[in-house]
């Protein structure tokens, strides 16, 4: 949903602040990264490895990762993040003179309670906590009843919640970093 939404708005240079720490495996974050590559491929976009950074899960980590991204001097017009780091990302972008969504569209994941109260409100992918909890209980029941024989994985449906942090790319061409 991230890539489809951003590419439909004309973005092709998309940064992704992920939650994978070097040397550690996190299935959820690894799957999200894989989904990014697959969706970009379907949309005819190339994922620039210089625009993929560990973004963490706190405001401070989001700020630092965004500053690191900006210091790379690579062009980008959109960012995919997790909602936990949104405030830090917003701070760093504004500090650099960029406007959300006019210069950089930002899309999050999780639809945390405060995402709709940011300025501008964060466009995000909502993962139904009710569906997630129901699936977890079902899997736990399967694990205990099958005595360690494993269980099937399940993808939980998600919804794109479009708010004010994403916008059509100005002029139809990717934005250039100010000199």
N, C-alpha and C. Protein backbone atom coordinates (compact mmCIF):
# COMPACT_ATOMS: atom_id res chain seq x y z
N UNK A 1 0.82 -1.20 0.00
CA UNK A 1 0.00 0.00 0.00
C UNK A 1 0.86 1.26 0.00
N UNK A 2 2.01 1.20 0.71
CA UNK A 2 2.88 2.39 0.74
C UNK A 2 3.30 2.78 -0.66
N UNK A 3 3.93 1.83 -1.34
CA UNK A 3 4.52 2.12 -2.65
C UNK A 3 3.43 2.45 -3.67
N UNK A 4 2.33 1.72 -3.66
CA UNK A 4 1.25 2.01 -4.60
C UNK A 4 0.76 3.44 -4.42
N UNK A 5 0.51 3.84 -3.18
CA UNK A 5 0.01 5.19 -2.91
C UNK A 5 1.02 6.24 -3.38
N UNK A 6 2.27 6.07 -3.01
CA UNK A 6 3.29 7.06 -3.36
C UNK A 6 3.55 7.10 -4.86
N UNK A 7 3.59 5.95 -5.51
CA UNK A 7 3.84 5.95 -6.96
C UNK A 7 2.65 6.56 -7.72
N UNK A 8 1.43 6.33 -7.22
CA UNK A 8 0.26 6.96 -7.85
C UNK A 8 0.31 8.48 -7.72
N UNK A 9 0.99 8.98 -6.70
CA UNK A 9 1.16 10.42 -6.53
C UNK A 9 2.34 10.96 -7.33
N UNK A 10 3.05 10.08 -8.03
CA UNK A 10 4.16 10.50 -8.89
C UNK A 10 5.55 10.34 -8.29
N UNK A 11 5.65 9.79 -7.10
CA UNK A 11 6.95 9.63 -6.45
C UNK A 11 7.67 8.38 -6.95
N UNK A 12 8.96 8.52 -7.21
CA UNK A 12 9.77 7.36 -7.59
C UNK A 12 11.04 7.24 -6.75
N UNK A 13 11.43 8.31 -6.11
CA UNK A 13 12.63 8.29 -5.25
C UNK A 13 12.15 8.30 -3.80
N UNK A 14 12.02 7.07 -3.27
CA UNK A 14 11.38 6.87 -1.98
C UNK A 14 12.39 6.34 -0.97
N UNK A 15 12.51 7.03 0.16
CA UNK A 15 13.37 6.58 1.25
C UNK A 15 12.55 5.68 2.17
N UNK A 16 13.22 4.73 2.79
CA UNK A 16 12.55 3.82 3.71
C UNK A 16 13.38 3.71 4.98
N UNK A 17 12.82 4.17 6.09
CA UNK A 17 13.47 4.04 7.39
C UNK A 17 12.86 2.81 8.06
N UNK A 18 13.60 1.72 8.06
CA UNK A 18 13.09 0.44 8.53
C UNK A 18 13.55 0.16 9.97
N UNK A 19 13.08 -0.95 10.50
CA UNK A 19 13.39 -1.31 11.87
C UNK A 19 14.33 -2.49 12.00
N UNK A 20 15.14 -2.75 10.98
CA UNK A 20 16.06 -3.89 11.03
C UNK A 20 17.43 -3.40 11.48
N UNK A 21 17.89 -3.95 12.58
CA UNK A 21 19.21 -3.61 13.10
C UNK A 21 20.22 -4.59 12.50
N UNK A 22 21.39 -4.09 12.07
CA UNK A 22 22.42 -4.97 11.52
C UNK A 22 22.73 -6.09 12.50
N UNK A 23 22.77 -7.30 11.97
CA UNK A 23 23.14 -8.45 12.78
C UNK A 23 21.99 -9.06 13.57
N UNK A 24 20.81 -8.46 13.51
CA UNK A 24 19.65 -9.00 14.21
C UNK A 24 18.57 -9.31 13.20
N UNK A 25 17.79 -10.34 13.48
CA UNK A 25 16.69 -10.70 12.59
C UNK A 25 15.38 -10.36 13.26
N UNK A 26 14.53 -9.67 12.53
CA UNK A 26 13.19 -9.35 12.98
C UNK A 26 12.26 -9.72 11.83
N UNK A 27 11.48 -10.77 12.00
CA UNK A 27 10.66 -11.28 10.91
C UNK A 27 9.73 -10.22 10.34
N UNK A 28 9.04 -9.50 11.20
CA UNK A 28 8.09 -8.49 10.75
C UNK A 28 8.79 -7.43 9.91
N UNK A 29 9.90 -6.92 10.41
CA UNK A 29 10.62 -5.87 9.68
C UNK A 29 11.22 -6.42 8.39
N UNK A 30 11.70 -7.66 8.42
CA UNK A 30 12.25 -8.27 7.20
C UNK A 30 11.16 -8.44 6.15
N UNK A 31 9.97 -8.85 6.58
CA UNK A 31 8.87 -8.98 5.63
C UNK A 31 8.46 -7.63 5.07
N UNK A 32 8.45 -6.60 5.89
CA UNK A 32 8.11 -5.26 5.39
C UNK A 32 9.11 -4.81 4.33
N UNK A 33 10.39 -5.09 4.55
CA UNK A 33 11.41 -4.73 3.58
C UNK A 33 11.22 -5.52 2.29
N UNK A 34 10.90 -6.80 2.42
CA UNK A 34 10.64 -7.63 1.25
C UNK A 34 9.42 -7.10 0.48
N UNK A 35 8.36 -6.72 1.20
CA UNK A 35 7.17 -6.15 0.56
C UNK A 35 7.53 -4.87 -0.21
N UNK A 36 8.42 -4.07 0.36
CA UNK A 36 8.85 -2.84 -0.31
C UNK A 36 9.48 -3.18 -1.66
N UNK A 37 10.43 -4.13 -1.67
CA UNK A 37 11.09 -4.52 -2.91
C UNK A 37 10.09 -5.07 -3.93
N UNK A 38 9.19 -5.92 -3.48
CA UNK A 38 8.20 -6.51 -4.40
C UNK A 38 7.27 -5.45 -4.98
N UNK A 39 6.78 -4.56 -4.14
CA UNK A 39 5.86 -3.51 -4.61
C UNK A 39 6.58 -2.55 -5.55
N UNK A 40 7.80 -2.19 -5.22
CA UNK A 40 8.57 -1.30 -6.10
C UNK A 40 8.77 -1.96 -7.45
N UNK A 41 9.09 -3.22 -7.46
CA UNK A 41 9.27 -3.95 -8.72
C UNK A 41 7.99 -3.94 -9.54
N UNK A 42 6.84 -4.21 -8.91
CA UNK A 42 5.56 -4.19 -9.63
C UNK A 42 5.25 -2.80 -10.18
N UNK A 43 5.66 -1.76 -9.45
CA UNK A 43 5.40 -0.38 -9.88
C UNK A 43 6.44 0.13 -10.87
N UNK A 44 7.44 -0.70 -11.17
CA UNK A 44 8.48 -0.29 -12.10
C UNK A 44 9.49 0.67 -11.49
N UNK A 45 9.61 0.65 -10.17
CA UNK A 45 10.55 1.53 -9.47
C UNK A 45 11.79 0.76 -9.04
N UNK A 46 12.88 1.46 -8.94
CA UNK A 46 14.12 0.87 -8.45
C UNK A 46 14.34 1.36 -7.02
N UNK A 47 14.60 0.43 -6.12
CA UNK A 47 14.89 0.78 -4.73
C UNK A 47 16.37 1.15 -4.63
N UNK A 48 16.63 2.37 -4.23
CA UNK A 48 18.00 2.85 -4.07
C UNK A 48 18.50 2.45 -2.68
N UNK A 49 19.52 1.58 -2.59
CA UNK A 49 20.00 1.15 -1.27
C UNK A 49 20.49 2.30 -0.39
N UNK A 50 20.89 3.41 -1.00
CA UNK A 50 21.33 4.57 -0.22
C UNK A 50 20.15 5.27 0.47
N UNK A 51 18.92 4.91 0.10
CA UNK A 51 17.74 5.51 0.71
C UNK A 51 17.07 4.57 1.71
N UNK A 52 17.75 3.48 2.06
CA UNK A 52 17.26 2.53 3.06
C UNK A 52 18.14 2.65 4.30
N UNK A 53 17.53 3.03 5.42
CA UNK A 53 18.29 3.20 6.66
C UNK A 53 17.51 2.63 7.84
N UNK A 54 18.24 2.25 8.86
CA UNK A 54 17.61 1.87 10.11
C UNK A 54 17.03 3.12 10.75
N UNK A 55 15.73 3.11 11.00
CA UNK A 55 15.07 4.29 11.55
C UNK A 55 14.71 4.18 13.02
N UNK A 56 14.81 2.97 13.56
CA UNK A 56 14.52 2.79 14.97
C UNK A 56 13.04 2.83 15.30
N UNK A 57 12.76 3.05 16.60
CA UNK A 57 11.39 3.04 17.08
C UNK A 57 11.12 4.16 18.08
N UNK A 58 11.93 5.20 18.03
CA UNK A 58 11.70 6.33 18.94
C UNK A 58 11.83 7.63 18.15
N UNK A 59 11.32 8.69 18.73
CA UNK A 59 11.43 10.01 18.11
C UNK A 59 12.90 10.36 17.84
N UNK A 60 13.75 10.09 18.82
CA UNK A 60 15.18 10.43 18.69
C UNK A 60 15.83 9.63 17.56
N UNK A 61 15.51 8.33 17.47
CA UNK A 61 16.08 7.51 16.39
C UNK A 61 15.57 7.96 15.03
N UNK A 62 14.30 8.35 14.96
CA UNK A 62 13.75 8.85 13.71
C UNK A 62 14.41 10.13 13.26
N UNK A 63 14.66 11.02 14.22
CA UNK A 63 15.34 12.28 13.92
C UNK A 63 16.75 12.00 13.40
N UNK A 64 17.50 11.16 14.12
CA UNK A 64 18.88 10.85 13.73
C UNK A 64 18.93 10.19 12.35
N UNK A 65 18.04 9.23 12.11
CA UNK A 65 18.03 8.54 10.82
C UNK A 65 17.71 9.50 9.68
N UNK A 66 16.78 10.41 9.91
CA UNK A 66 16.42 11.39 8.87
C UNK A 66 17.58 12.33 8.62
N UNK A 67 18.26 12.76 9.66
CA UNK A 67 19.45 13.60 9.48
C UNK A 67 20.52 12.84 8.70
N UNK A 68 20.72 11.56 9.03
CA UNK A 68 21.69 10.73 8.30
C UNK A 68 21.30 10.62 6.83
N UNK A 69 20.02 10.45 6.57
CA UNK A 69 19.53 10.37 5.20
C UNK A 69 19.79 11.67 4.46
N UNK A 70 19.49 12.79 5.08
CA UNK A 70 19.71 14.09 4.45
C UNK A 70 21.19 14.34 4.19
N UNK A 71 22.05 13.88 5.10
CA UNK A 71 23.49 14.06 4.94
C UNK A 71 24.06 13.27 3.76
N UNK A 72 23.33 12.28 3.28
CA UNK A 72 23.79 11.49 2.13
C UNK A 72 23.66 12.25 0.81
N UNK A 73 22.94 13.38 0.85
CA UNK A 73 22.74 14.21 -0.35
C UNK A 73 22.11 13.47 -1.51
N UNK A 74 21.28 12.49 -1.21
CA UNK A 74 20.55 11.76 -2.25
C UNK A 74 19.18 12.39 -2.40
N UNK A 75 18.70 12.46 -3.63
CA UNK A 75 17.38 13.02 -3.89
C UNK A 75 16.31 12.02 -3.46
N UNK A 76 15.27 12.52 -2.81
CA UNK A 76 14.09 11.72 -2.49
C UNK A 76 12.92 12.67 -2.31
N UNK A 77 11.74 12.16 -2.62
CA UNK A 77 10.54 12.99 -2.49
C UNK A 77 9.51 12.39 -1.56
N UNK A 78 9.79 11.18 -1.08
CA UNK A 78 8.85 10.52 -0.18
C UNK A 78 9.61 9.63 0.79
N UNK A 79 8.97 9.38 1.94
CA UNK A 79 9.57 8.52 2.96
C UNK A 79 8.52 7.56 3.49
N UNK A 80 8.95 6.31 3.69
CA UNK A 80 8.13 5.31 4.36
C UNK A 80 8.78 5.09 5.72
N UNK A 81 7.98 5.19 6.78
CA UNK A 81 8.51 5.10 8.14
C UNK A 81 7.53 4.27 8.98
N UNK A 82 7.84 4.11 10.27
CA UNK A 82 6.84 3.59 11.20
C UNK A 82 6.36 4.77 12.03
N UNK A 83 5.13 4.69 12.49
CA UNK A 83 4.52 5.81 13.20
C UNK A 83 5.29 6.23 14.45
N UNK A 84 6.01 5.28 15.06
CA UNK A 84 6.73 5.58 16.30
C UNK A 84 7.78 6.68 16.12
N UNK A 85 8.34 6.80 14.91
CA UNK A 85 9.42 7.75 14.68
C UNK A 85 8.97 9.02 13.96
N UNK A 86 7.67 9.11 13.67
CA UNK A 86 7.16 10.20 12.84
C UNK A 86 7.52 11.59 13.37
N UNK A 87 7.41 11.81 14.66
CA UNK A 87 7.69 13.15 15.20
C UNK A 87 9.14 13.55 14.95
N UNK A 88 10.06 12.62 15.13
CA UNK A 88 11.47 12.91 14.87
C UNK A 88 11.75 13.15 13.39
N UNK A 89 11.09 12.39 12.53
CA UNK A 89 11.23 12.57 11.08
C UNK A 89 10.71 13.95 10.70
N UNK A 90 9.54 14.31 11.20
CA UNK A 90 8.97 15.64 10.91
C UNK A 90 9.93 16.74 11.37
N UNK A 91 10.48 16.59 12.59
CA UNK A 91 11.40 17.60 13.12
C UNK A 91 12.60 17.79 12.20
N UNK A 92 13.23 16.68 11.79
CA UNK A 92 14.43 16.77 10.96
C UNK A 92 14.13 17.35 9.59
N UNK A 93 13.01 16.95 8.99
CA UNK A 93 12.66 17.49 7.67
C UNK A 93 12.41 18.99 7.74
N UNK A 94 11.65 19.41 8.74
CA UNK A 94 11.37 20.85 8.88
C UNK A 94 12.65 21.64 9.15
N UNK A 95 13.50 21.10 10.01
CA UNK A 95 14.77 21.76 10.34
C UNK A 95 15.62 21.95 9.09
N UNK A 96 15.49 21.04 8.11
CA UNK A 96 16.27 21.13 6.88
C UNK A 96 15.61 22.03 5.84
N UNK A 97 14.46 22.60 6.18
CA UNK A 97 13.77 23.50 5.26
C UNK A 97 12.77 22.82 4.35
N UNK A 98 12.48 21.56 4.60
CA UNK A 98 11.52 20.84 3.77
C UNK A 98 10.13 20.88 4.39
N UNK A 99 9.16 21.00 3.52
CA UNK A 99 7.76 21.04 3.93
C UNK A 99 7.12 19.67 3.70
N UNK A 100 6.30 19.25 4.67
CA UNK A 100 5.53 18.01 4.53
C UNK A 100 4.10 18.44 4.25
N UNK A 101 3.49 18.07 3.18
CA UNK A 101 3.86 17.13 2.14
C UNK A 101 4.37 17.79 0.85
N UNK A 102 4.52 19.10 0.84
CA UNK A 102 4.87 19.78 -0.41
C UNK A 102 6.23 19.37 -0.96
N UNK A 103 7.23 19.22 -0.10
CA UNK A 103 8.56 18.80 -0.56
C UNK A 103 8.79 17.31 -0.38
N UNK A 104 8.29 16.76 0.71
CA UNK A 104 8.48 15.33 1.01
C UNK A 104 7.16 14.77 1.54
N UNK A 105 6.66 13.74 0.88
CA UNK A 105 5.49 13.02 1.37
C UNK A 105 5.98 11.98 2.37
N UNK A 106 5.25 11.82 3.48
CA UNK A 106 5.63 10.87 4.52
C UNK A 106 4.45 9.94 4.78
N UNK A 107 4.74 8.64 4.78
CA UNK A 107 3.71 7.64 5.05
C UNK A 107 4.22 6.69 6.14
N UNK A 108 3.37 6.41 7.10
CA UNK A 108 3.76 5.58 8.23
C UNK A 108 3.11 4.21 8.20
N UNK A 109 3.36 3.48 9.27
CA UNK A 109 2.78 2.15 9.46
C UNK A 109 2.36 2.02 10.91
N UNK A 110 1.16 1.55 11.14
CA UNK A 110 0.59 1.18 12.43
C UNK A 110 -0.62 2.00 12.81
N UNK A 111 -0.78 3.21 12.30
CA UNK A 111 -1.89 4.10 12.66
C UNK A 111 -2.04 4.20 14.18
N UNK A 112 -0.95 4.63 14.82
CA UNK A 112 -1.00 4.85 16.26
C UNK A 112 -1.99 5.96 16.58
N UNK A 113 -2.51 5.97 17.77
CA UNK A 113 -3.60 6.89 18.16
C UNK A 113 -3.31 8.35 17.83
N UNK A 114 -2.07 8.79 17.98
CA UNK A 114 -1.76 10.21 17.80
C UNK A 114 -1.43 10.57 16.36
N UNK A 115 -1.35 9.59 15.43
CA UNK A 115 -0.96 9.87 14.04
C UNK A 115 -1.88 10.88 13.38
N UNK A 116 -3.15 10.85 13.71
CA UNK A 116 -4.10 11.78 13.09
C UNK A 116 -4.00 13.19 13.68
N UNK A 117 -3.25 13.34 14.77
CA UNK A 117 -3.12 14.65 15.43
C UNK A 117 -1.81 15.36 15.10
N UNK A 118 -0.97 14.75 14.27
CA UNK A 118 0.28 15.40 13.88
C UNK A 118 -0.04 16.54 12.92
N UNK A 119 0.93 17.40 12.68
CA UNK A 119 0.73 18.51 11.75
C UNK A 119 1.77 18.41 10.64
N UNK A 120 1.38 17.99 9.44
CA UNK A 120 0.06 17.53 9.03
C UNK A 120 -0.22 16.10 9.53
N UNK A 121 -1.50 15.73 9.58
CA UNK A 121 -1.84 14.38 10.02
C UNK A 121 -1.14 13.33 9.14
N UNK A 122 -0.65 12.28 9.78
CA UNK A 122 0.17 11.27 9.12
C UNK A 122 -0.67 10.28 8.31
N UNK A 123 -0.39 10.18 7.02
CA UNK A 123 -0.93 9.11 6.20
C UNK A 123 -0.26 7.83 6.69
N UNK A 124 -1.02 6.77 6.87
CA UNK A 124 -0.44 5.57 7.47
C UNK A 124 -1.19 4.33 7.03
N UNK A 125 -0.56 3.19 7.25
CA UNK A 125 -1.18 1.90 7.00
C UNK A 125 -1.66 1.36 8.34
N UNK A 126 -2.95 1.12 8.43
CA UNK A 126 -3.55 0.63 9.69
C UNK A 126 -3.52 -0.89 9.69
N UNK A 127 -2.97 -1.42 10.76
CA UNK A 127 -2.99 -2.85 11.01
C UNK A 127 -4.00 -3.07 12.13
N UNK A 128 -5.06 -3.80 11.84
CA UNK A 128 -6.12 -4.01 12.82
C UNK A 128 -5.59 -4.79 14.02
N UNK A 129 -5.56 -4.13 15.16
CA UNK A 129 -5.08 -4.80 16.37
C UNK A 129 -6.03 -5.92 16.79
N UNK A 130 -7.31 -5.73 16.52
CA UNK A 130 -8.30 -6.77 16.84
C UNK A 130 -8.03 -8.03 16.02
N UNK A 131 -7.81 -7.85 14.70
CA UNK A 131 -7.50 -9.00 13.84
C UNK A 131 -6.18 -9.65 14.25
N UNK A 132 -5.21 -8.81 14.58
CA UNK A 132 -3.91 -9.31 14.99
C UNK A 132 -4.02 -10.12 16.28
N UNK A 133 -4.77 -9.62 17.25
CA UNK A 133 -4.95 -10.33 18.52
C UNK A 133 -5.69 -11.64 18.30
N UNK A 134 -6.74 -11.60 17.48
CA UNK A 134 -7.50 -12.82 17.19
C UNK A 134 -6.61 -13.88 16.55
N UNK A 135 -5.78 -13.47 15.58
CA UNK A 135 -4.87 -14.41 14.92
C UNK A 135 -3.84 -14.96 15.91
N UNK A 136 -3.35 -14.11 16.81
CA UNK A 136 -2.37 -14.56 17.80
C UNK A 136 -2.96 -15.60 18.74
N UNK A 137 -4.16 -15.37 19.19
CA UNK A 137 -4.83 -16.33 20.08
C UNK A 137 -5.07 -17.65 19.34
N UNK A 138 -5.50 -17.57 18.09
CA UNK A 138 -5.73 -18.77 17.30
C UNK A 138 -4.44 -19.55 17.13
N UNK A 139 -3.34 -18.85 16.81
CA UNK A 139 -2.05 -19.53 16.62
C UNK A 139 -1.55 -20.14 17.93
N UNK A 140 -1.75 -19.44 19.03
CA UNK A 140 -1.35 -19.96 20.33
C UNK A 140 -2.14 -21.23 20.65
N UNK A 141 -3.43 -21.21 20.36
CA UNK A 141 -4.27 -22.38 20.56
C UNK A 141 -3.79 -23.55 19.70
N UNK A 142 -3.45 -23.26 18.43
CA UNK A 142 -2.92 -24.30 17.54
C UNK A 142 -1.62 -24.87 18.07
N UNK A 143 -0.75 -24.00 18.56
CA UNK A 143 0.55 -24.46 19.07
C UNK A 143 0.38 -25.39 20.28
N UNK A 144 -0.52 -25.03 21.17
CA UNK A 144 -0.68 -25.84 22.37
C UNK A 144 -1.43 -27.14 22.08
N UNK A 145 -2.36 -27.11 21.13
CA UNK A 145 -3.13 -28.32 20.83
C UNK A 145 -2.36 -29.30 19.95
N UNK A 146 -1.41 -28.82 19.17
CA UNK A 146 -0.64 -29.68 18.28
C UNK A 146 0.69 -30.11 18.89
N UNK A 147 0.93 -29.70 20.12
CA UNK A 147 2.15 -30.10 20.85
C UNK A 147 3.42 -29.87 20.03
N UNK A 148 3.61 -28.63 19.59
CA UNK A 148 4.87 -28.26 18.94
C UNK A 148 4.96 -28.64 17.48
N UNK A 149 3.86 -28.99 16.83
CA UNK A 149 3.92 -29.37 15.43
C UNK A 149 3.86 -28.17 14.49
N UNK A 150 3.91 -26.99 15.04
CA UNK A 150 3.92 -25.78 14.22
C UNK A 150 2.52 -25.29 13.91
N UNK A 151 2.45 -24.24 13.16
CA UNK A 151 1.18 -23.63 12.80
C UNK A 151 1.38 -22.83 11.52
N UNK A 152 0.27 -22.54 10.87
CA UNK A 152 0.30 -21.78 9.63
C UNK A 152 0.46 -20.30 9.92
N UNK A 153 1.18 -19.60 9.06
CA UNK A 153 1.26 -18.15 9.18
C UNK A 153 0.06 -17.53 8.48
N UNK A 154 -0.23 -16.32 8.85
CA UNK A 154 -1.38 -15.62 8.28
C UNK A 154 -1.02 -14.16 8.09
N UNK A 155 -1.34 -13.64 6.93
CA UNK A 155 -1.17 -12.21 6.69
C UNK A 155 -2.45 -11.50 7.12
N UNK A 156 -2.29 -10.49 7.95
CA UNK A 156 -3.42 -9.72 8.45
C UNK A 156 -3.72 -8.61 7.44
N UNK A 157 -4.96 -8.48 6.99
CA UNK A 157 -5.31 -7.40 6.07
C UNK A 157 -5.02 -6.03 6.69
N UNK A 158 -4.62 -5.09 5.87
CA UNK A 158 -4.31 -3.73 6.33
C UNK A 158 -5.11 -2.73 5.50
N UNK A 159 -5.20 -1.51 6.01
CA UNK A 159 -5.93 -0.45 5.32
C UNK A 159 -5.04 0.79 5.21
N UNK A 160 -5.09 1.45 4.07
CA UNK A 160 -4.39 2.71 3.89
C UNK A 160 -5.28 3.83 4.40
N UNK A 161 -4.77 4.63 5.33
CA UNK A 161 -5.49 5.77 5.88
C UNK A 161 -4.80 7.03 5.34
N UNK A 162 -5.42 7.65 4.34
CA UNK A 162 -4.81 8.81 3.67
C UNK A 162 -5.17 10.07 4.46
N UNK A 163 -4.11 10.76 4.88
CA UNK A 163 -4.27 12.03 5.59
C UNK A 163 -3.40 13.08 4.89
N UNK A 164 -3.01 14.10 5.60
CA UNK A 164 -2.35 15.24 4.98
C UNK A 164 -0.86 15.16 4.73
N UNK A 165 -0.20 14.07 5.09
CA UNK A 165 1.27 14.03 4.98
C UNK A 165 1.77 13.53 3.62
N UNK A 166 0.85 13.19 2.71
CA UNK A 166 1.26 12.80 1.37
C UNK A 166 0.57 13.69 0.36
N UNK A 167 1.26 13.92 -0.76
CA UNK A 167 0.76 14.86 -1.76
C UNK A 167 1.32 14.47 -3.12
N UNK A 168 0.64 14.95 -4.17
CA UNK A 168 1.16 14.76 -5.53
C UNK A 168 2.52 15.44 -5.65
N UNK A 169 3.39 14.82 -6.37
CA UNK A 169 4.71 15.37 -6.61
C UNK A 169 4.59 16.65 -7.42
N UNK A 170 5.25 17.70 -6.94
CA UNK A 170 5.19 19.00 -7.63
C UNK A 170 5.76 18.89 -9.04
N UNK A 171 5.01 19.36 -10.02
CA UNK A 171 5.51 19.44 -11.39
C UNK A 171 5.75 18.10 -12.05
N UNK A 172 5.44 16.99 -11.37
CA UNK A 172 5.59 15.68 -11.97
C UNK A 172 7.02 15.18 -12.05
N UNK A 173 7.97 15.91 -11.52
CA UNK A 173 9.35 15.44 -11.50
C UNK A 173 9.86 15.42 -10.08
N UNK A 174 10.82 14.56 -9.83
CA UNK A 174 11.33 14.46 -8.46
C UNK A 174 12.00 15.74 -8.02
N UNK A 175 11.76 16.07 -6.76
CA UNK A 175 12.27 17.27 -6.14
C UNK A 175 13.79 17.22 -6.00
N UNK A 176 14.43 18.32 -6.24
CA UNK A 176 15.90 18.41 -6.11
C UNK A 176 16.25 19.04 -4.78
N UNK A 177 17.27 18.51 -4.13
CA UNK A 177 17.73 19.05 -2.86
C UNK A 177 18.26 20.47 -3.09
N UNK A 178 17.89 21.43 -2.19
CA UNK A 178 18.41 22.79 -2.34
C UNK A 178 19.93 22.82 -2.20
N UNK A 179 20.57 23.69 -2.96
CA UNK A 179 22.04 23.80 -2.90
C UNK A 179 22.48 24.69 -1.78
